[in-house]
Amino acid sequence: MSAGVQILPDAQALALAGAGADWLARRIEHKPDLTILVATGQTPMGMYAALAARVQAGTLDCSRVTAVQLDEYVGLEPGDPRSLSGWMERAFVVPLGLRNVVPLDDPATFTARLRDLGGVDVAILGLGPNGHLGFNEPPSGPDAPTREVTLTPESVASNRGYWDGLAVPTHAITAGMDVILAARETLLLVSGAHKRAILGAALDGPETPDVPASFLRRTALTVLADRDARP
């Protein structure tokens, strides 16, 4: 396991006790105008809820934070319940009282806005079952740019449970590996026994485009994983 990677073996600390919220709140308190690349998916939802509770209690001010969208399906109509921007809005932007959002609607515009902001301070990421980050499907090297991608069958299957029987789109736009790896700090949240093997490959296997998450070892990386996912 690489130096600088921390595994939290307590499932309750990841899911309920707010270890991730503690980690991110410290960084917001240190830099109130933090720029955060925001993952959706089930794993970070508990952390976002814990942060929202602090905002509502008046112990954390996120009003100057900027949320940067990590990925989005292609071809959805406005208001589609499958929209990942809508999920980010409901789970992160509104509950934390954020005013600033960088949407992922056009790769060139997205890249220019990030450049103007000075890049990403913190990337909050989940781990795909095939090692993808955002929708950087394998093979994706460290210089893969923000772009439209075709989703793998593994990613489609992994996302199917989110949408109550609605079809999972087969194409998406993703923030590139170049954006993710340039973040000043990264928090990777991993939960479940089905992620154990791919987390082990990401942390201890060779760096390879076939496991895009393996390149996270080049970053200032913290991993929070529950007991089941622990390699």
C-alpha atoms as a PDB file:
ATOM      1  CA  MET A   1       0.000   0.000   0.000  1.00  0.00           C
ATOM      2  CA  SER A   2       1.323   3.408  -0.946  1.00  0.00           C
ATOM      3  CA  ALA A   3       2.520   5.960   1.595  1.00  0.00           C
ATOM      4  CA  GLY A   4      -0.042   8.621   2.365  1.00  0.00           C
ATOM      5  CA  VAL A   5      -3.025   6.289   1.883  1.00  0.00           C
ATOM      6  CA  GLN A   6      -5.132   5.780   4.984  1.00  0.00           C
ATOM      7  CA  ILE A   7      -7.621   2.937   5.296  1.00  0.00           C
ATOM      8  CA  LEU A   8     -10.390   3.388   7.836  1.00  0.00           C
ATOM      9  CA  PRO A   9     -11.553  -0.114   8.732  1.00  0.00           C
ATOM     10  CA  ASP A  10     -14.609   0.948  10.741  1.00  0.00           C
ATOM     11  CA  ALA A  11     -17.752   0.750   8.595  1.00  0.00           C
ATOM     12  CA  GLN A  12     -19.708   2.959  10.975  1.00  0.00           C
ATOM     13  CA  ALA A  13     -17.112   5.713  10.755  1.00  0.00           C
ATOM     14  CA  LEU A  14     -17.484   5.746   6.980  1.00  0.00           C
ATOM     15  CA  ALA A  15     -21.250   5.380   6.733  1.00  0.00           C
ATOM     16  CA  LEU A  16     -22.535   7.068   9.872  1.00  0.00           C
ATOM     17  CA  ALA A  17     -19.964   8.762  12.096  1.00  0.00           C
ATOM     18  CA  GLY A  18     -18.840  11.350   9.604  1.00  0.00           C
ATOM     19  CA  ALA A  19     -15.155  10.622   9.146  1.00  0.00           C
ATOM     20  CA  GLY A  20     -15.380  11.961   5.621  1.00  0.00           C
ATOM     21  CA  ALA A  21     -17.342  14.977   6.825  1.00  0.00           C
ATOM     22  CA  ASP A  22     -14.667  15.685   9.432  1.00  0.00           C
ATOM     23  CA  TRP A  23     -11.979  15.484   6.746  1.00  0.00           C
ATOM     24  CA  LEU A  24     -13.737  17.835   4.345  1.00  0.00           C
ATOM     25  CA  ALA A  25     -15.006  20.258   6.997  1.00  0.00           C
ATOM     26  CA  ARG A  26     -11.430  20.859   8.185  1.00  0.00           C
ATOM     27  CA  ARG A  27     -10.441  21.840   4.679  1.00  0.00           C
ATOM     28  CA  ILE A  28     -13.422  24.150   4.220  1.00  0.00           C
ATOM     29  CA  GLU A  29     -12.663  25.838   7.529  1.00  0.00           C
ATOM     30  CA  HIS A  30      -9.046  26.338   6.438  1.00  0.00           C
ATOM     31  CA  LYS A  31     -10.017  27.573   2.939  1.00  0.00           C
ATOM     32  CA  PRO A  32     -13.645  28.823   2.846  1.00  0.00           C
ATOM     33  CA  ASP A  33     -13.559  29.281  -0.945  1.00  0.00           C
ATOM     34  CA  LEU A  34     -12.548  25.658  -1.556  1.00  0.00           C
ATOM     35  CA  THR A  35     -13.177  24.243  -5.040  1.00  0.00           C
ATOM     36  CA  ILE A  36     -14.517  20.677  -4.792  1.00  0.00           C
ATOM     37  CA  LEU A  37     -14.939  18.082  -7.535  1.00  0.00           C
ATOM     38  CA  VAL A  38     -18.121  16.305  -6.441  1.00  0.00           C
ATOM     39  CA  ALA A  39     -18.956  12.634  -7.002  1.00  0.00           C
ATOM     40  CA  THR A  40     -22.488  11.300  -6.834  1.00  0.00           C
ATOM     41  CA  GLY A  41     -23.375   7.625  -6.249  1.00  0.00           C
ATOM     42  CA  GLN A  42     -24.477   6.102  -2.953  1.00  0.00           C
ATOM     43  CA  THR A  43     -21.154   5.949  -1.095  1.00  0.00           C
ATOM     44  CA  PRO A  44     -20.638   9.710  -0.444  1.00  0.00           C
ATOM     45  CA  MET A  45     -24.272  10.433   0.449  1.00  0.00           C
ATOM     46  CA  GLY A  46     -23.773   9.868   4.177  1.00  0.00           C
ATOM     47  CA  MET A  47     -20.830  12.253   4.188  1.00  0.00           C
ATOM     48  CA  TYR A  48     -22.822  14.927   2.368  1.00  0.00           C
ATOM     49  CA  ALA A  49     -25.713  14.538   4.811  1.00  0.00           C
ATOM     50  CA  ALA A  50     -23.334  14.896   7.760  1.00  0.00           C
ATOM     51  CA  LEU A  51     -21.896  18.077   6.253  1.00  0.00           C
ATOM     52  CA  ALA A  52     -25.399  19.435   5.633  1.00  0.00           C
ATOM     53  CA  ALA A  53     -26.288  18.830   9.280  1.00  0.00           C
ATOM     54  CA  ARG A  54     -23.331  20.989  10.311  1.00  0.00           C
ATOM     55  CA  VAL A  55     -24.416  23.735   7.933  1.00  0.00           C
ATOM     56  CA  GLN A  56     -27.948  23.635   9.318  1.00  0.00           C
ATOM     57  CA  ALA A  57     -26.603  23.728  12.867  1.00  0.00           C
ATOM     58  CA  GLY A  58     -24.532  26.816  12.048  1.00  0.00           C
ATOM     59  CA  THR A  59     -21.185  25.157  12.756  1.00  0.00           C
ATOM     60  CA  LEU A  60     -19.982  25.096   9.131  1.00  0.00           C
ATOM     61  CA  ASP A  61     -20.265  27.780   6.448  1.00  0.00           C
ATOM     62  CA  CYS A  62     -20.023  26.495   2.873  1.00  0.00           C
ATOM     63  CA  SER A  63     -21.421  29.570   1.131  1.00  0.00           C
ATOM     64  CA  ARG A  64     -18.118  30.371  -0.620  1.00  0.00           C
ATOM     65  CA  VAL A  65     -17.398  26.801  -1.728  1.00  0.00           C
ATOM     66  CA  THR A  66     -17.527  26.004  -5.450  1.00  0.00           C
ATOM     67  CA  ALA A  67     -18.908  22.628  -6.531  1.00  0.00           C
ATOM     68  CA  VAL A  68     -17.478  21.169  -9.744  1.00  0.00           C
ATOM     69  CA  GLN A  69     -19.499  18.464 -11.460  1.00  0.00           C
ATOM     70  CA  LEU A  70     -17.581  15.222 -12.001  1.00  0.00           C
ATOM     71  CA  ASP A  71     -19.702  13.538 -14.667  1.00  0.00           C
ATOM     72  CA  GLU A  72     -23.034  13.634 -16.506  1.00  0.00           C
ATOM     73  CA  TYR A  73     -25.046  11.418 -18.801  1.00  0.00           C
ATOM     74  CA  VAL A  74     -25.426  12.522 -22.411  1.00  0.00           C
ATOM     75  CA  GLY A  75     -28.764  13.015 -24.119  1.00  0.00           C
ATOM     76  CA  LEU A  76     -31.064  13.693 -21.158  1.00  0.00           C
ATOM     77  CA  GLU A  77     -33.808  16.276 -21.343  1.00  0.00           C
ATOM     78  CA  PRO A  78     -33.872  19.090 -18.731  1.00  0.00           C
ATOM     79  CA  GLY A  79     -35.392  17.832 -15.499  1.00  0.00           C
ATOM     80  CA  ASP A  80     -34.729  14.156 -16.246  1.00  0.00           C
ATOM     81  CA  PRO A  81     -34.575  12.329 -12.876  1.00  0.00           C
ATOM     82  CA  ARG A  82     -31.433  10.502 -14.012  1.00  0.00           C
ATOM     83  CA  SER A  83     -29.455  13.745 -14.340  1.00  0.00           C
ATOM     84  CA  LEU A  84     -26.285  13.630 -12.266  1.00  0.00           C
ATOM     85  CA  SER A  85     -26.261  17.432 -12.063  1.00  0.00           C
ATOM     86  CA  GLY A  86     -29.713  17.208 -10.484  1.00  0.00           C
ATOM     87  CA  TRP A  87     -28.448  14.603  -8.023  1.00  0.00           C
ATOM     88  CA  MET A  88     -25.497  16.822  -7.105  1.00  0.00           C
ATOM     89  CA  GLU A  89     -27.867  19.766  -6.665  1.00  0.00           C
ATOM     90  CA  ARG A  90     -30.186  17.826  -4.332  1.00  0.00           C
ATOM     91  CA  ALA A  91     -27.498  16.069  -2.296  1.00  0.00           C
ATOM     92  CA  PHE A  92     -24.701  18.637  -2.124  1.00  0.00           C
ATOM     93  CA  VAL A  93     -25.335  22.091  -3.546  1.00  0.00           C
ATOM     94  CA  VAL A  94     -28.679  22.956  -1.916  1.00  0.00           C
ATOM     95  CA  PRO A  95     -28.169  21.242   1.474  1.00  0.00           C
ATOM     96  CA  LEU A  96     -24.763  22.912   1.927  1.00  0.00           C
ATOM     97  CA  GLY A  97     -26.005  26.312   0.807  1.00  0.00           C
ATOM     98  CA  LEU A  98     -23.589  26.627  -2.107  1.00  0.00           C
ATOM     99  CA  ARG A  99     -23.867  29.529  -4.532  1.00  0.00           C
ATOM    100  CA  ASN A 100     -21.180  28.571  -7.043  1.00  0.00           C
ATOM    101  CA  VAL A 101     -21.341  25.575  -9.379  1.00  0.00           C
ATOM    102  CA  VAL A 102     -19.263  24.586 -12.415  1.00  0.00           C
ATOM    103  CA  PRO A 103     -21.516  22.339 -14.528  1.00  0.00           C
ATOM    104  CA  LEU A 104     -20.141  19.702 -16.860  1.00  0.00           C
ATOM    105  CA  ASP A 105     -22.120  20.567 -19.973  1.00  0.00           C
ATOM    106  CA  ASP A 106     -19.404  21.255 -22.534  1.00  0.00           C
ATOM    107  CA  PRO A 107     -15.797  20.044 -22.208  1.00  0.00           C
ATOM    108  CA  ALA A 108     -14.198  23.236 -23.569  1.00  0.00           C
ATOM    109  CA  THR A 109     -16.268  25.565 -21.383  1.00  0.00           C
ATOM    110  CA  PHE A 110     -15.720  23.333 -18.346  1.00  0.00           C
ATOM    111  CA  THR A 111     -11.957  23.300 -18.861  1.00  0.00           C
ATOM    112  CA  ALA A 112     -11.821  27.082 -19.283  1.00  0.00           C
ATOM    113  CA  ARG A 113     -13.838  27.691 -16.113  1.00  0.00           C
ATOM    114  CA  LEU A 114     -11.597  25.390 -14.094  1.00  0.00           C
ATOM    115  CA  ARG A 115      -8.547  27.186 -15.436  1.00  0.00           C
ATOM    116  CA  ASP A 116     -10.028  30.522 -14.343  1.00  0.00           C
ATOM    117  CA  LEU A 117     -10.665  29.091 -10.863  1.00  0.00           C
ATOM    118  CA  GLY A 118      -7.097  27.859 -10.555  1.00  0.00           C
ATOM    119  CA  GLY A 119      -8.015  24.179 -10.649  1.00  0.00           C
ATOM    120  CA  VAL A 120      -9.577  21.804  -8.140  1.00  0.00           C
ATOM    121  CA  ASP A 121      -8.616  21.953  -4.472  1.00  0.00           C
ATOM    122  CA  VAL A 122     -10.287  18.703  -3.395  1.00  0.00           C
ATOM    123  CA  ALA A 123     -11.606  15.780  -5.444  1.00  0.00           C
ATOM    124  CA  ILE A 124     -14.267  13.642  -3.759  1.00  0.00           C
ATOM    125  CA  LEU A 125     -14.384  10.324  -5.617  1.00  0.00           C
ATOM    126  CA  GLY A 126     -15.966   6.922  -5.558  1.00  0.00           C
ATOM    127  CA  LEU A 127     -14.376   3.857  -7.102  1.00  0.00           C
ATOM    128  CA  GLY A 128     -16.017   2.190 -10.102  1.00  0.00           C
ATOM    129  CA  PRO A 129     -16.231  -1.605 -10.161  1.00  0.00           C
ATOM    130  CA  ASN A 130     -13.752  -1.668 -13.047  1.00  0.00           C
ATOM    131  CA  GLY A 131     -11.476   0.969 -11.521  1.00  0.00           C
ATOM    132  CA  HIS A 132     -12.986   3.962 -13.256  1.00  0.00           C
ATOM    133  CA  LEU A 133     -12.977   7.442 -11.725  1.00  0.00           C
ATOM    134  CA  GLY A 134     -15.903   9.582 -12.762  1.00  0.00           C
ATOM    135  CA  PHE A 135     -16.635   7.914 -16.084  1.00  0.00           C
ATOM    136  CA  ASN A 136     -12.998   7.553 -17.129  1.00  0.00           C
ATOM    137  CA  GLU A 137     -13.491   3.982 -18.271  1.00  0.00           C
ATOM    138  CA  PRO A 138     -10.529   1.669 -18.749  1.00  0.00           C
ATOM    139  CA  PRO A 139      -8.277   2.120 -20.554  1.00  0.00           C
ATOM    140  CA  SER A 140      -7.787   5.738 -19.394  1.00  0.00           C
ATOM    141  CA  GLY A 141      -4.299   7.091 -18.888  1.00  0.00           C
ATOM    142  CA  PRO A 142      -3.321   9.977 -16.616  1.00  0.00           C
ATOM    143  CA  ASP A 143      -3.555  12.516 -19.441  1.00  0.00           C
ATOM    144  CA  ALA A 144      -7.081  11.545 -20.554  1.00  0.00           C
ATOM    145  CA  PRO A 145      -8.991  14.830 -21.050  1.00  0.00           C
ATOM    146  CA  THR A 146     -12.540  15.885 -20.238  1.00  0.00           C
ATOM    147  CA  ARG A 147     -14.601  14.242 -22.970  1.00  0.00           C
ATOM    148  CA  GLU A 148     -17.624  12.210 -23.997  1.00  0.00           C
ATOM    149  CA  VAL A 149     -17.252   8.473 -23.378  1.00  0.00           C
ATOM    150  CA  THR A 150     -19.152   5.254 -24.038  1.00  0.00           C
ATOM    151  CA  LEU A 151     -19.981   3.503 -20.775  1.00  0.00           C
ATOM    152  CA  THR A 152     -18.860  -0.072 -20.260  1.00  0.00           C
ATOM    153  CA  PRO A 153     -21.403  -2.789 -19.440  1.00  0.00           C
ATOM    154  CA  GLU A 154     -19.992  -2.851 -15.879  1.00  0.00           C
ATOM    155  CA  SER A 155     -20.727   0.845 -15.410  1.00  0.00           C
ATOM    156  CA  VAL A 156     -24.217   0.563 -16.876  1.00  0.00           C
ATOM    157  CA  ALA A 157     -24.981  -2.359 -14.555  1.00  0.00           C
ATOM    158  CA  SER A 158     -23.524  -0.529 -11.549  1.00  0.00           C
ATOM    159  CA  ASN A 159     -25.710   2.517 -12.230  1.00  0.00           C
ATOM    160  CA  ARG A 160     -28.909   0.601 -12.984  1.00  0.00           C
ATOM    161  CA  GLY A 161     -29.943   0.415  -9.328  1.00  0.00           C
ATOM    162  CA  TYR A 162     -30.129   4.183  -8.962  1.00  0.00           C
ATOM    163  CA  TRP A 163     -33.024   4.812 -11.321  1.00  0.00           C
ATOM    164  CA  ASP A 164     -35.986   2.588 -10.371  1.00  0.00           C
ATOM    165  CA  GLY A 165     -36.150   0.683 -13.615  1.00  0.00           C
ATOM    166  CA  LEU A 166     -35.321   3.581 -15.922  1.00  0.00           C
ATOM    167  CA  ALA A 167     -32.783   2.800 -18.638  1.00  0.00           C
ATOM    168  CA  VAL A 168     -29.206   3.820 -17.895  1.00  0.00           C
ATOM    169  CA  PRO A 169     -27.778   6.066 -20.639  1.00  0.00           C
ATOM    170  CA  THR A 170     -24.864   4.520 -22.497  1.00  0.00           C
ATOM    171  CA  HIS A 171     -22.866   7.739 -23.028  1.00  0.00           C
ATOM    172  CA  ALA A 172     -21.586  10.350 -20.615  1.00  0.00           C
ATOM    173  CA  ILE A 173     -19.272  13.325 -20.264  1.00  0.00           C
ATOM    174  CA  THR A 174     -16.606  12.985 -17.609  1.00  0.00           C
ATOM    175  CA  ALA A 175     -14.049  15.277 -16.077  1.00  0.00           C
ATOM    176  CA  GLY A 176     -10.768  13.967 -17.423  1.00  0.00           C
ATOM    177  CA  MET A 177      -8.080  12.082 -15.580  1.00  0.00           C
ATOM    178  CA  ASP A 178      -5.942  15.182 -16.088  1.00  0.00           C
ATOM    179  CA  VAL A 179      -8.453  17.207 -14.025  1.00  0.00           C
ATOM    180  CA  ILE A 180      -8.791  14.550 -11.317  1.00  0.00           C
ATOM    181  CA  LEU A 181      -5.062  13.961 -10.875  1.00  0.00           C
ATOM    182  CA  ALA A 182      -4.352  17.696 -10.759  1.00  0.00           C
ATOM    183  CA  ALA A 183      -6.535  18.138  -7.655  1.00  0.00           C
ATOM    184  CA  ARG A 184      -4.481  19.321  -4.695  1.00  0.00           C
ATOM    185  CA  GLU A 185      -6.002  16.629  -2.459  1.00  0.00           C
ATOM    186  CA  THR A 186      -8.174  13.598  -3.114  1.00  0.00           C
ATOM    187  CA  LEU A 187     -10.606  11.713  -0.890  1.00  0.00           C
ATOM    188  CA  LEU A 188     -11.564   8.275  -2.204  1.00  0.00           C
ATOM    189  CA  LEU A 189     -14.603   6.663  -0.555  1.00  0.00           C
ATOM    190  CA  VAL A 190     -15.036   2.904  -1.024  1.00  0.00           C
ATOM    191  CA  SER A 191     -17.718   0.648   0.404  1.00  0.00           C
ATOM    192  CA  GLY A 192     -18.654  -3.007  -0.006  1.00  0.00           C
ATOM    193  CA  ALA A 193     -16.992  -6.362  -0.558  1.00  0.00           C
ATOM    194  CA  HIS A 194     -17.557  -6.068  -4.317  1.00  0.00           C
ATOM    195  CA  LYS A 195     -14.981  -3.248  -4.341  1.00  0.00           C
ATOM    196  CA  ARG A 196     -12.267  -5.101  -2.394  1.00  0.00           C
ATOM    197  CA  ALA A 197     -10.420  -6.568  -5.365  1.00  0.00           C
ATOM    198  CA  ILE A 198     -10.452  -3.384  -7.438  1.00  0.00           C
ATOM    199  CA  LEU A 199      -9.368  -1.282  -4.447  1.00  0.00           C
ATOM    200  CA  GLY A 200      -6.477  -3.674  -3.913  1.00  0.00           C
ATOM    201  CA  ALA A 201      -5.521  -3.353  -7.578  1.00  0.00           C
ATOM    202  CA  ALA A 202      -5.738   0.440  -7.394  1.00  0.00           C
ATOM    203  CA  LEU A 203      -3.554   0.690  -4.298  1.00  0.00           C
ATOM    204  CA  ASP A 204      -1.114  -2.174  -4.697  1.00  0.00           C
ATOM    205  CA  GLY A 205      -1.090  -3.241  -8.336  1.00  0.00           C
ATOM    206  CA  PRO A 206       0.831  -1.624 -11.186  1.00  0.00           C
ATOM    207  CA  GLU A 207      -0.112   1.814 -12.440  1.00  0.00           C
ATOM    208  CA  THR A 208      -2.021   1.055 -15.608  1.00  0.00           C
ATOM    209  CA  PRO A 209      -4.704   2.621 -17.815  1.00  0.00           C
ATOM    210  CA  ASP A 210      -6.598  -0.642 -17.335  1.00  0.00           C
ATOM    211  CA  VAL A 211      -7.193   0.468 -13.714  1.00  0.00           C
ATOM    212  CA  PRO A 212      -7.537   4.244 -13.959  1.00  0.00           C
ATOM    213  CA  ALA A 213      -7.752   4.572 -10.173  1.00  0.00           C
ATOM    214  CA  SER A 214      -4.202   3.221  -9.890  1.00  0.00           C
ATOM    215  CA  PHE A 215      -2.935   6.663 -10.924  1.00  0.00           C
ATOM    216  CA  LEU A 216      -4.386   8.197  -7.738  1.00  0.00           C
ATOM    217  CA  ARG A 217      -1.172   7.134  -6.007  1.00  0.00           C
ATOM    218  CA  ARG A 218       0.425  10.122  -7.710  1.00  0.00           C
ATOM    219  CA  THR A 219      -1.839  12.453  -5.713  1.00  0.00           C
ATOM    220  CA  ALA A 220      -2.192  13.561  -2.089  1.00  0.00           C
ATOM    221  CA  LEU A 221      -4.633  10.714  -1.452  1.00  0.00           C
ATOM    222  CA  THR A 222      -6.760   9.703   1.519  1.00  0.00           C
ATOM    223  CA  VAL A 223      -8.850   6.537   1.304  1.00  0.00           C
ATOM    224  CA  LEU A 224     -11.796   5.844   3.592  1.00  0.00           C
ATOM    225  CA  ALA A 225     -13.021   2.273   3.165  1.00  0.00           C
ATOM    226  CA  ASP A 226     -15.356   0.126   5.217  1.00  0.00           C
ATOM    227  CA  ARG A 227     -14.364  -3.294   6.557  1.00  0.00           C
ATOM    228  CA  ASP A 228     -15.820  -5.149   3.578  1.00  0.00           C
ATOM    229  CA  ALA A 229     -13.873  -3.130   1.010  1.00  0.00           C
ATOM    230  CA  ARG A 230     -10.594  -3.176   2.868  1.00  0.00           C
ATOM    231  CA  PRO A 231      -7.929  -5.033   0.822  1.00  0.00           C
END
